[in-house]
Amino acid sequence: MKTTALVVTSAFVMSAAVPVFAQSHQQQLACAWTAGNCLDEAKILGKRIVEIKNEIARNADNSSEEVKKLEKKLQDAMGELKRVEDEN
């Protein structure tokens, strides 16, 4: 009886944990943010801003459409960072 209960409980726990592993990057950020890890989110956004700036510098000679897309991503990331900093 104990073995059956243990197997059933283990199966239930594993089925509940599966959605955590199947999250996208944005969903993981949202989950971390709601758990109170805003400082980690600010660090992640800071790194993303640096990466986007580096990519803009590398693509400065390429098509202006690509640079405009990257600048839009940069503005969005900076807005998110400002929002996170204002909440703290």
N, C-alpha and C. Protein backbone atom coordinates (compact mmCIF):
# COMPACT_ATOMS: atom_id res chain seq x y z
N MET A 1 0.82 -1.19 0.00
CA MET A 1 0.00 0.00 0.00
C MET A 1 0.86 1.26 0.00
N LYS A 2 1.92 1.26 0.83
CA LYS A 2 2.80 2.42 0.89
C LYS A 2 3.52 2.64 -0.43
N THR A 3 3.90 1.55 -1.08
CA THR A 3 4.59 1.66 -2.36
C THR A 3 3.69 2.27 -3.41
N THR A 4 2.44 1.86 -3.45
CA THR A 4 1.48 2.40 -4.41
C THR A 4 1.26 3.89 -4.16
N ALA A 5 1.12 4.26 -2.92
CA ALA A 5 0.92 5.67 -2.59
C ALA A 5 2.14 6.49 -2.98
N LEU A 6 3.33 5.93 -2.76
CA LEU A 6 4.56 6.63 -3.12
C LEU A 6 4.67 6.81 -4.63
N VAL A 7 4.32 5.78 -5.39
CA VAL A 7 4.37 5.86 -6.86
C VAL A 7 3.38 6.89 -7.36
N VAL A 8 2.17 6.88 -6.85
CA VAL A 8 1.14 7.83 -7.28
C VAL A 8 1.56 9.26 -6.93
N THR A 9 2.08 9.46 -5.74
CA THR A 9 2.53 10.79 -5.32
C THR A 9 3.69 11.27 -6.18
N SER A 10 4.63 10.39 -6.48
CA SER A 10 5.77 10.75 -7.32
C SER A 10 5.32 11.14 -8.72
N ALA A 11 4.39 10.39 -9.28
CA ALA A 11 3.86 10.70 -10.60
C ALA A 11 3.17 12.05 -10.61
N PHE A 12 2.42 12.34 -9.56
CA PHE A 12 1.73 13.63 -9.47
C PHE A 12 2.73 14.78 -9.38
N VAL A 13 3.75 14.63 -8.56
CA VAL A 13 4.75 15.69 -8.38
C VAL A 13 5.50 15.94 -9.69
N MET A 14 5.87 14.90 -10.40
CA MET A 14 6.58 15.05 -11.67
C MET A 14 5.69 15.71 -12.72
N SER A 15 4.42 15.37 -12.75
CA SER A 15 3.53 15.98 -13.74
C SER A 15 3.32 17.46 -13.44
N ALA A 16 3.38 17.84 -12.18
CA ALA A 16 3.23 19.24 -11.82
C ALA A 16 4.49 20.04 -12.14
N ALA A 17 5.65 19.39 -12.17
CA ALA A 17 6.91 20.08 -12.42
C ALA A 17 7.21 20.25 -13.90
N VAL A 18 6.60 19.47 -14.76
CA VAL A 18 6.90 19.52 -16.19
C VAL A 18 6.68 20.89 -16.80
N PRO A 19 5.59 21.61 -16.52
CA PRO A 19 5.41 22.93 -17.14
C PRO A 19 6.51 23.92 -16.78
N VAL A 20 7.17 23.77 -15.65
CA VAL A 20 8.24 24.67 -15.26
C VAL A 20 9.41 24.57 -16.23
N PHE A 21 9.70 23.36 -16.69
CA PHE A 21 10.81 23.15 -17.60
C PHE A 21 10.47 23.53 -19.04
N ALA A 22 9.19 23.62 -19.36
CA ALA A 22 8.77 23.90 -20.73
C ALA A 22 8.45 25.37 -20.96
N GLN A 23 9.00 26.25 -20.14
CA GLN A 23 8.70 27.67 -20.27
C GLN A 23 9.66 28.34 -21.25
N SER A 24 9.18 29.39 -21.90
CA SER A 24 10.05 30.18 -22.74
C SER A 24 10.88 31.12 -21.85
N HIS A 25 11.83 31.78 -22.45
CA HIS A 25 12.69 32.69 -21.69
C HIS A 25 11.87 33.82 -21.06
N GLN A 26 10.92 34.38 -21.79
CA GLN A 26 10.08 35.46 -21.28
C GLN A 26 9.23 34.96 -20.10
N GLN A 27 8.72 33.74 -20.21
CA GLN A 27 7.91 33.19 -19.13
C GLN A 27 8.76 32.94 -17.88
N GLN A 28 10.01 32.52 -18.08
CA GLN A 28 10.90 32.32 -16.94
C GLN A 28 11.19 33.66 -16.26
N LEU A 29 11.39 34.71 -17.06
CA LEU A 29 11.61 36.03 -16.48
C LEU A 29 10.40 36.49 -15.68
N ALA A 30 9.21 36.27 -16.24
CA ALA A 30 7.99 36.67 -15.53
C ALA A 30 7.83 35.88 -14.25
N CYS A 31 8.16 34.61 -14.29
CA CYS A 31 8.06 33.77 -13.10
C CYS A 31 9.05 34.25 -12.04
N ALA A 32 10.27 34.56 -12.45
CA ALA A 32 11.28 35.04 -11.50
C ALA A 32 10.86 36.39 -10.93
N TRP A 33 10.27 37.24 -11.76
CA TRP A 33 9.86 38.57 -11.30
C TRP A 33 8.75 38.46 -10.26
N THR A 34 7.78 37.58 -10.50
CA THR A 34 6.68 37.45 -9.54
C THR A 34 7.15 36.78 -8.25
N ALA A 35 8.25 36.07 -8.32
CA ALA A 35 8.79 35.43 -7.12
C ALA A 35 9.63 36.42 -6.30
N GLY A 36 9.78 37.65 -6.78
CA GLY A 36 10.51 38.67 -6.05
C GLY A 36 11.96 38.79 -6.43
N ASN A 37 12.33 38.29 -7.58
CA ASN A 37 13.71 38.36 -8.02
C ASN A 37 13.92 39.52 -8.98
N CYS A 38 13.49 40.70 -8.61
CA CYS A 38 13.57 41.86 -9.49
C CYS A 38 15.01 42.27 -9.74
N LEU A 39 15.89 42.07 -8.77
CA LEU A 39 17.29 42.43 -8.98
C LEU A 39 17.90 41.56 -10.07
N ASP A 40 17.56 40.29 -10.09
CA ASP A 40 18.05 39.41 -11.14
C ASP A 40 17.53 39.86 -12.50
N GLU A 41 16.28 40.28 -12.54
CA GLU A 41 15.71 40.73 -13.81
C GLU A 41 16.42 41.98 -14.29
N ALA A 42 16.76 42.87 -13.38
CA ALA A 42 17.48 44.09 -13.75
C ALA A 42 18.85 43.74 -14.32
N LYS A 43 19.52 42.76 -13.73
CA LYS A 43 20.83 42.33 -14.25
C LYS A 43 20.69 41.73 -15.64
N ILE A 44 19.66 40.91 -15.82
CA ILE A 44 19.43 40.28 -17.11
C ILE A 44 19.13 41.34 -18.17
N LEU A 45 18.30 42.32 -17.82
CA LEU A 45 17.97 43.39 -18.76
C LEU A 45 19.21 44.22 -19.08
N GLY A 46 20.04 44.48 -18.08
CA GLY A 46 21.28 45.23 -18.31
C GLY A 46 22.18 44.52 -19.29
N LYS A 47 22.32 43.21 -19.13
CA LYS A 47 23.14 42.42 -20.06
C LYS A 47 22.54 42.44 -21.46
N ARG A 48 21.20 42.35 -21.54
CA ARG A 48 20.55 42.36 -22.84
C ARG A 48 20.76 43.71 -23.54
N ILE A 49 20.71 44.80 -22.77
CA ILE A 49 20.93 46.12 -23.34
C ILE A 49 22.34 46.23 -23.91
N VAL A 50 23.33 45.73 -23.18
CA VAL A 50 24.71 45.76 -23.66
C VAL A 50 24.86 44.94 -24.93
N GLU A 51 24.23 43.76 -24.97
CA GLU A 51 24.29 42.92 -26.16
C GLU A 51 23.66 43.61 -27.37
N ILE A 52 22.54 44.25 -27.17
CA ILE A 52 21.86 44.94 -28.27
C ILE A 52 22.73 46.10 -28.76
N LYS A 53 23.32 46.86 -27.85
CA LYS A 53 24.20 47.96 -28.25
C LYS A 53 25.38 47.46 -29.06
N ASN A 54 25.97 46.34 -28.64
CA ASN A 54 27.08 45.76 -29.38
C ASN A 54 26.65 45.32 -30.77
N GLU A 55 25.46 44.74 -30.86
CA GLU A 55 24.96 44.30 -32.16
C GLU A 55 24.67 45.50 -33.07
N ILE A 56 24.17 46.59 -32.51
CA ILE A 56 23.94 47.80 -33.30
C ILE A 56 25.27 48.31 -33.84
N ALA A 57 26.30 48.30 -32.99
CA ALA A 57 27.62 48.78 -33.43
C ALA A 57 28.16 47.90 -34.56
N ARG A 58 27.96 46.58 -34.47
CA ARG A 58 28.43 45.68 -35.52
C ARG A 58 27.66 45.85 -36.82
N ASN A 59 26.36 46.17 -36.73
CA ASN A 59 25.52 46.27 -37.92
C ASN A 59 25.35 47.70 -38.41
N ALA A 60 26.13 48.63 -37.91
CA ALA A 60 25.97 50.04 -38.30
C ALA A 60 26.16 50.24 -39.80
N ASP A 61 27.02 49.44 -40.42
CA ASP A 61 27.26 49.59 -41.86
C ASP A 61 26.26 48.82 -42.70
N ASN A 62 25.48 47.97 -42.09
CA ASN A 62 24.51 47.15 -42.82
C ASN A 62 23.21 47.91 -43.03
N SER A 63 22.16 47.19 -43.37
CA SER A 63 20.88 47.79 -43.71
C SER A 63 20.32 48.60 -42.54
N SER A 64 19.72 49.71 -42.91
CA SER A 64 19.14 50.59 -41.89
C SER A 64 17.90 49.95 -41.24
N GLU A 65 17.24 49.06 -41.96
CA GLU A 65 16.06 48.38 -41.40
C GLU A 65 16.47 47.52 -40.21
N GLU A 66 17.58 46.80 -40.33
CA GLU A 66 18.06 45.96 -39.24
C GLU A 66 18.44 46.81 -38.04
N VAL A 67 19.09 47.93 -38.29
CA VAL A 67 19.49 48.83 -37.20
C VAL A 67 18.26 49.40 -36.51
N LYS A 68 17.23 49.75 -37.29
CA LYS A 68 15.99 50.28 -36.71
C LYS A 68 15.33 49.24 -35.82
N LYS A 69 15.32 47.97 -36.24
CA LYS A 69 14.75 46.91 -35.43
C LYS A 69 15.52 46.76 -34.12
N LEU A 70 16.84 46.81 -34.22
CA LEU A 70 17.67 46.68 -33.02
C LEU A 70 17.47 47.87 -32.09
N GLU A 71 17.34 49.07 -32.65
CA GLU A 71 17.09 50.26 -31.82
C GLU A 71 15.75 50.15 -31.11
N LYS A 72 14.75 49.59 -31.79
CA LYS A 72 13.44 49.38 -31.17
C LYS A 72 13.56 48.40 -30.00
N LYS A 73 14.31 47.30 -30.21
CA LYS A 73 14.54 46.35 -29.14
C LYS A 73 15.26 47.01 -27.97
N LEU A 74 16.21 47.87 -28.29
CA LEU A 74 16.96 48.58 -27.25
C LEU A 74 16.04 49.48 -26.44
N GLN A 75 15.19 50.23 -27.10
CA GLN A 75 14.25 51.12 -26.41
C GLN A 75 13.30 50.31 -25.52
N ASP A 76 12.82 49.17 -26.03
CA ASP A 76 11.93 48.31 -25.24
C ASP A 76 12.64 47.79 -23.99
N ALA A 77 13.88 47.33 -24.16
CA ALA A 77 14.64 46.80 -23.03
C ALA A 77 14.92 47.89 -22.01
N MET A 78 15.23 49.09 -22.48
CA MET A 78 15.50 50.19 -21.56
C MET A 78 14.22 50.58 -20.81
N GLY A 79 13.08 50.53 -21.49
CA GLY A 79 11.80 50.80 -20.83
C GLY A 79 11.49 49.77 -19.76
N GLU A 80 11.75 48.49 -20.07
CA GLU A 80 11.53 47.44 -19.07
C GLU A 80 12.45 47.64 -17.87
N LEU A 81 13.71 47.99 -18.13
CA LEU A 81 14.66 48.20 -17.05
C LEU A 81 14.21 49.36 -16.17
N LYS A 82 13.73 50.44 -16.78
CA LYS A 82 13.24 51.58 -16.01
C LYS A 82 12.05 51.19 -15.15
N ARG A 83 11.16 50.38 -15.71
CA ARG A 83 9.98 49.91 -14.97
C ARG A 83 10.41 49.08 -13.75
N VAL A 84 11.37 48.20 -13.96
CA VAL A 84 11.84 47.33 -12.86
C VAL A 84 12.51 48.18 -11.77
N GLU A 85 13.32 49.15 -12.20
CA GLU A 85 14.00 50.01 -11.23
C GLU A 85 13.01 50.88 -10.45
N ASP A 86 11.96 51.33 -11.12
CA ASP A 86 10.95 52.17 -10.45
C ASP A 86 10.16 51.38 -9.41
N GLU A 87 9.99 50.08 -9.64
CA GLU A 87 9.23 49.24 -8.72
C GLU A 87 10.03 48.96 -7.45
N ASN A 88 11.35 49.04 -7.54
CA ASN A 88 12.17 48.76 -6.34
C ASN A 88 12.31 49.97 -5.56
